[in-house]
Amino acid sequence: MKNKIIINGILVAALVAVSSTSRAAEPSQAELLAQANLSKFTAQTLALAEVPHGVVKDGELEMENGKLLWSFDLTIPNSKNIKEVAVDAKTGEIIAVDTETPADQAKEAAEDATQAKKQVKTKESSEAGEAGEGKGSKEEKD
């Protein structure tokens, strides 16, 4: 019985450590916004200047390779391609302007879906660990 309690405790500690590590690796949007010197509007204006007649489809603030970036997907009239413009969120410098074909877009959507599933599984594991923590406490009392 005592071994079962110890094993449960170790598993819970491991789950908490993994959960804390994954959260630390991905700062929240509020934390990222606090670090950004450029507003989304200003960065978007800079991105649009790079793509004549572009229309913003999506924009997000993200940490990529240690750099804080505003990343915008711009549609172009009469084209199925998307221009992705990365703007340094601290300096306003245009970091990259890339063209994504429909095949690239499908691949990115599949990768995003896979990443989302992993995050859900991690969250579920964390919640299961927290629920198990309560059970371990009850067994100790018995």
C-alpha atoms as a PDB file:
ATOM      1  CA  MET A   1       0.000   0.000   0.000  1.00  0.00           C
ATOM      2  CA  LYS A   2       2.811   2.352   0.919  1.00  0.00           C
ATOM      3  CA  ASN A   3       4.561   1.654  -2.422  1.00  0.00           C
ATOM      4  CA  LYS A   4       1.367   2.557  -4.271  1.00  0.00           C
ATOM      5  CA  ILE A   5       1.211   5.912  -2.451  1.00  0.00           C
ATOM      6  CA  ILE A   6       4.876   6.630  -3.210  1.00  0.00           C
ATOM      7  CA  ILE A   7       4.457   5.732  -6.901  1.00  0.00           C
ATOM      8  CA  ASN A   8       1.346   7.918  -7.148  1.00  0.00           C
ATOM      9  CA  GLY A   9       3.277  10.785  -5.559  1.00  0.00           C
ATOM     10  CA  ILE A  10       6.159  10.391  -8.021  1.00  0.00           C
ATOM     11  CA  LEU A  11       3.780  10.300 -10.993  1.00  0.00           C
ATOM     12  CA  VAL A  12       1.960  13.415  -9.810  1.00  0.00           C
ATOM     13  CA  ALA A  13       5.249  15.257  -9.272  1.00  0.00           C
ATOM     14  CA  ALA A  14       6.418  14.287 -12.770  1.00  0.00           C
ATOM     15  CA  LEU A  15       3.155  15.453 -14.352  1.00  0.00           C
ATOM     16  CA  VAL A  16       3.302  18.753 -12.497  1.00  0.00           C
ATOM     17  CA  ALA A  17       6.922  19.262 -13.578  1.00  0.00           C
ATOM     18  CA  VAL A  18       6.098  18.524 -17.229  1.00  0.00           C
ATOM     19  CA  SER A  19       3.051  20.787 -17.093  1.00  0.00           C
ATOM     20  CA  SER A  20       5.050  23.628 -15.539  1.00  0.00           C
ATOM     21  CA  THR A  21       7.849  23.215 -18.078  1.00  0.00           C
ATOM     22  CA  SER A  22       5.479  23.353 -21.059  1.00  0.00           C
ATOM     23  CA  ARG A  23       3.799  26.459 -19.675  1.00  0.00           C
ATOM     24  CA  ALA A  24       7.153  28.155 -19.119  1.00  0.00           C
ATOM     25  CA  ALA A  25       8.197  27.343 -22.685  1.00  0.00           C
ATOM     26  CA  GLU A  26       5.139  29.087 -24.101  1.00  0.00           C
ATOM     27  CA  PRO A  27       4.511  32.541 -22.652  1.00  0.00           C
ATOM     28  CA  SER A  28       0.946  33.825 -22.608  1.00  0.00           C
ATOM     29  CA  GLN A  29      -0.257  36.486 -25.015  1.00  0.00           C
ATOM     30  CA  ALA A  30      -0.362  38.965 -22.127  1.00  0.00           C
ATOM     31  CA  GLU A  31       3.315  38.283 -21.371  1.00  0.00           C
ATOM     32  CA  LEU A  32       4.243  38.676 -25.030  1.00  0.00           C
ATOM     33  CA  LEU A  33       2.246  41.910 -25.360  1.00  0.00           C
ATOM     34  CA  ALA A  34       4.065  43.322 -22.340  1.00  0.00           C
ATOM     35  CA  GLN A  35       7.374  42.780 -24.165  1.00  0.00           C
ATOM     36  CA  ALA A  36       6.268  44.240 -27.524  1.00  0.00           C
ATOM     37  CA  ASN A  37       7.144  47.846 -28.363  1.00  0.00           C
ATOM     38  CA  LEU A  38       4.858  47.895 -31.425  1.00  0.00           C
ATOM     39  CA  SER A  39       1.092  47.635 -31.314  1.00  0.00           C
ATOM     40  CA  LYS A  40      -0.623  45.135 -33.576  1.00  0.00           C
ATOM     41  CA  PHE A  41      -2.028  48.029 -35.611  1.00  0.00           C
ATOM     42  CA  THR A  42       1.419  49.571 -36.219  1.00  0.00           C
ATOM     43  CA  ALA A  43       2.969  46.220 -37.122  1.00  0.00           C
ATOM     44  CA  GLN A  44       0.040  45.444 -39.420  1.00  0.00           C
ATOM     45  CA  THR A  45       0.506  48.781 -41.202  1.00  0.00           C
ATOM     46  CA  LEU A  46       4.186  47.925 -41.785  1.00  0.00           C
ATOM     47  CA  ALA A  47       3.257  44.462 -43.069  1.00  0.00           C
ATOM     48  CA  LEU A  48       0.660  45.835 -45.473  1.00  0.00           C
ATOM     49  CA  ALA A  49       3.257  48.227 -46.898  1.00  0.00           C
ATOM     50  CA  GLU A  50       5.270  45.166 -47.970  1.00  0.00           C
ATOM     51  CA  VAL A  51       2.419  43.547 -49.926  1.00  0.00           C
ATOM     52  CA  PRO A  52       0.615  45.882 -52.345  1.00  0.00           C
ATOM     53  CA  HIS A  53      -3.170  45.253 -52.351  1.00  0.00           C
ATOM     54  CA  GLY A  54      -2.765  42.697 -49.539  1.00  0.00           C
ATOM     55  CA  VAL A  55      -5.582  42.045 -47.096  1.00  0.00           C
ATOM     56  CA  VAL A  56      -4.894  40.784 -43.576  1.00  0.00           C
ATOM     57  CA  LYS A  57      -6.306  37.299 -43.099  1.00  0.00           C
ATOM     58  CA  ASP A  58      -4.690  36.620 -39.720  1.00  0.00           C
ATOM     59  CA  GLY A  59      -2.195  38.190 -37.355  1.00  0.00           C
ATOM     60  CA  GLU A  60      -0.564  36.983 -34.165  1.00  0.00           C
ATOM     61  CA  LEU A  61       2.178  37.837 -31.729  1.00  0.00           C
ATOM     62  CA  GLU A  62       4.608  34.981 -31.244  1.00  0.00           C
ATOM     63  CA  MET A  63       8.068  34.087 -30.050  1.00  0.00           C
ATOM     64  CA  GLU A  64      10.005  32.467 -32.878  1.00  0.00           C
ATOM     65  CA  ASN A  65      13.650  31.470 -32.617  1.00  0.00           C
ATOM     66  CA  GLY A  66      14.076  33.756 -29.624  1.00  0.00           C
ATOM     67  CA  LYS A  67      12.600  36.794 -31.426  1.00  0.00           C
ATOM     68  CA  LEU A  68       9.319  38.455 -30.598  1.00  0.00           C
ATOM     69  CA  LEU A  69       7.401  38.825 -33.870  1.00  0.00           C
ATOM     70  CA  TRP A  70       4.114  40.027 -35.199  1.00  0.00           C
ATOM     71  CA  SER A  71       3.271  37.515 -37.930  1.00  0.00           C
ATOM     72  CA  PHE A  72       0.618  38.365 -40.532  1.00  0.00           C
ATOM     73  CA  ASP A  73      -0.956  36.241 -43.257  1.00  0.00           C
ATOM     74  CA  LEU A  74      -2.016  38.446 -46.150  1.00  0.00           C
ATOM     75  CA  THR A  75      -4.232  37.390 -49.020  1.00  0.00           C
ATOM     76  CA  ILE A  76      -3.611  38.826 -52.452  1.00  0.00           C
ATOM     77  CA  PRO A  77      -6.418  39.501 -54.957  1.00  0.00           C
ATOM     78  CA  ASN A  78      -6.571  36.947 -57.804  1.00  0.00           C
ATOM     79  CA  SER A  79      -4.089  34.621 -56.079  1.00  0.00           C
ATOM     80  CA  LYS A  80      -4.447  31.488 -53.974  1.00  0.00           C
ATOM     81  CA  ASN A  81      -1.068  32.155 -52.388  1.00  0.00           C
ATOM     82  CA  ILE A  82      -0.675  33.888 -49.041  1.00  0.00           C
ATOM     83  CA  LYS A  83       2.135  36.233 -48.118  1.00  0.00           C
ATOM     84  CA  GLU A  84       3.377  35.762 -44.574  1.00  0.00           C
ATOM     85  CA  VAL A  85       5.064  38.893 -43.234  1.00  0.00           C
ATOM     86  CA  ALA A  86       7.070  38.796 -40.001  1.00  0.00           C
ATOM     87  CA  VAL A  87       7.626  42.119 -38.214  1.00  0.00           C
ATOM     88  CA  ASP A  88      10.002  42.471 -35.251  1.00  0.00           C
ATOM     89  CA  ALA A  89       7.675  43.447 -32.393  1.00  0.00           C
ATOM     90  CA  LYS A  90      10.383  45.489 -30.692  1.00  0.00           C
ATOM     91  CA  THR A  91      11.991  47.387 -33.587  1.00  0.00           C
ATOM     92  CA  GLY A  92       9.446  47.312 -36.412  1.00  0.00           C
ATOM     93  CA  GLU A  93      11.996  45.767 -38.767  1.00  0.00           C
ATOM     94  CA  ILE A  94      10.575  43.493 -41.471  1.00  0.00           C
ATOM     95  CA  ILE A  95      12.170  40.131 -40.708  1.00  0.00           C
ATOM     96  CA  ALA A  96      10.729  38.092 -43.574  1.00  0.00           C
ATOM     97  CA  VAL A  97       8.203  38.088 -46.384  1.00  0.00           C
ATOM     98  CA  ASP A  98       7.395  34.539 -47.473  1.00  0.00           C
ATOM     99  CA  THR A  99       4.950  33.154 -50.009  1.00  0.00           C
ATOM    100  CA  GLU A 100       2.803  30.210 -48.948  1.00  0.00           C
ATOM    101  CA  THR A 101       1.218  28.133 -51.688  1.00  0.00           C
ATOM    102  CA  PRO A 102      -2.030  26.223 -51.064  1.00  0.00           C
ATOM    103  CA  ALA A 103       0.093  23.085 -50.463  1.00  0.00           C
ATOM    104  CA  ASP A 104       2.185  24.977 -47.868  1.00  0.00           C
ATOM    105  CA  GLN A 105      -1.000  26.230 -46.214  1.00  0.00           C
ATOM    106  CA  ALA A 106      -2.448  22.697 -45.993  1.00  0.00           C
ATOM    107  CA  LYS A 107       0.790  21.396 -44.469  1.00  0.00           C
ATOM    108  CA  GLU A 108       0.830  24.230 -41.901  1.00  0.00           C
ATOM    109  CA  ALA A 109      -2.826  23.596 -41.001  1.00  0.00           C
ATOM    110  CA  ALA A 110      -2.074  19.892 -40.436  1.00  0.00           C
ATOM    111  CA  GLU A 111       0.925  20.769 -38.228  1.00  0.00           C
ATOM    112  CA  ASP A 112      -1.209  23.228 -36.245  1.00  0.00           C
ATOM    113  CA  ALA A 113      -3.887  20.569 -35.733  1.00  0.00           C
ATOM    114  CA  THR A 114      -1.275  18.074 -34.512  1.00  0.00           C
ATOM    115  CA  GLN A 115       0.160  20.662 -32.115  1.00  0.00           C
ATOM    116  CA  ALA A 116      -3.316  21.485 -30.795  1.00  0.00           C
ATOM    117  CA  LYS A 117      -3.991  17.784 -30.117  1.00  0.00           C
ATOM    118  CA  LYS A 118      -0.704  17.505 -28.202  1.00  0.00           C
ATOM    119  CA  GLN A 119      -1.634  20.512 -26.082  1.00  0.00           C
ATOM    120  CA  VAL A 120      -5.042  18.998 -25.280  1.00  0.00           C
ATOM    121  CA  LYS A 121      -3.424  15.681 -24.299  1.00  0.00           C
ATOM    122  CA  THR A 122      -0.893  17.492 -22.098  1.00  0.00           C
ATOM    123  CA  LYS A 123      -3.683  19.429 -20.415  1.00  0.00           C
ATOM    124  CA  GLU A 124      -5.736  16.268 -19.906  1.00  0.00           C
ATOM    125  CA  SER A 125      -2.708  14.473 -18.420  1.00  0.00           C
ATOM    126  CA  SER A 126      -2.095  17.394 -16.108  1.00  0.00           C
ATOM    127  CA  GLU A 127      -5.715  17.431 -14.980  1.00  0.00           C
ATOM    128  CA  ALA A 128      -5.653  13.662 -14.472  1.00  0.00           C
ATOM    129  CA  GLY A 129      -2.539  14.058 -12.351  1.00  0.00           C
ATOM    130  CA  GLU A 130      -4.223  16.710 -10.243  1.00  0.00           C
ATOM    131  CA  ALA A 131      -7.248  14.444  -9.794  1.00  0.00           C
ATOM    132  CA  GLY A 132      -4.913  11.580  -8.845  1.00  0.00           C
ATOM    133  CA  GLU A 133      -3.251  13.842  -6.311  1.00  0.00           C
ATOM    134  CA  GLY A 134      -6.519  14.090  -4.422  1.00  0.00           C
ATOM    135  CA  LYS A 135      -6.861  10.285  -4.469  1.00  0.00           C
ATOM    136  CA  GLY A 136      -3.357   9.823  -3.089  1.00  0.00           C
ATOM    137  CA  SER A 137      -4.175  12.083  -0.168  1.00  0.00           C
ATOM    138  CA  LYS A 138      -7.284  10.072   0.605  1.00  0.00           C
ATOM    139  CA  GLU A 139      -5.357   6.767   0.574  1.00  0.00           C
ATOM    140  CA  GLU A 140      -2.846   8.168   3.037  1.00  0.00           C
ATOM    141  CA  LYS A 141      -5.686   8.827   5.481  1.00  0.00           C
ATOM    142  CA  ASP A 142      -6.965   5.215   5.236  1.00  0.00           C
END
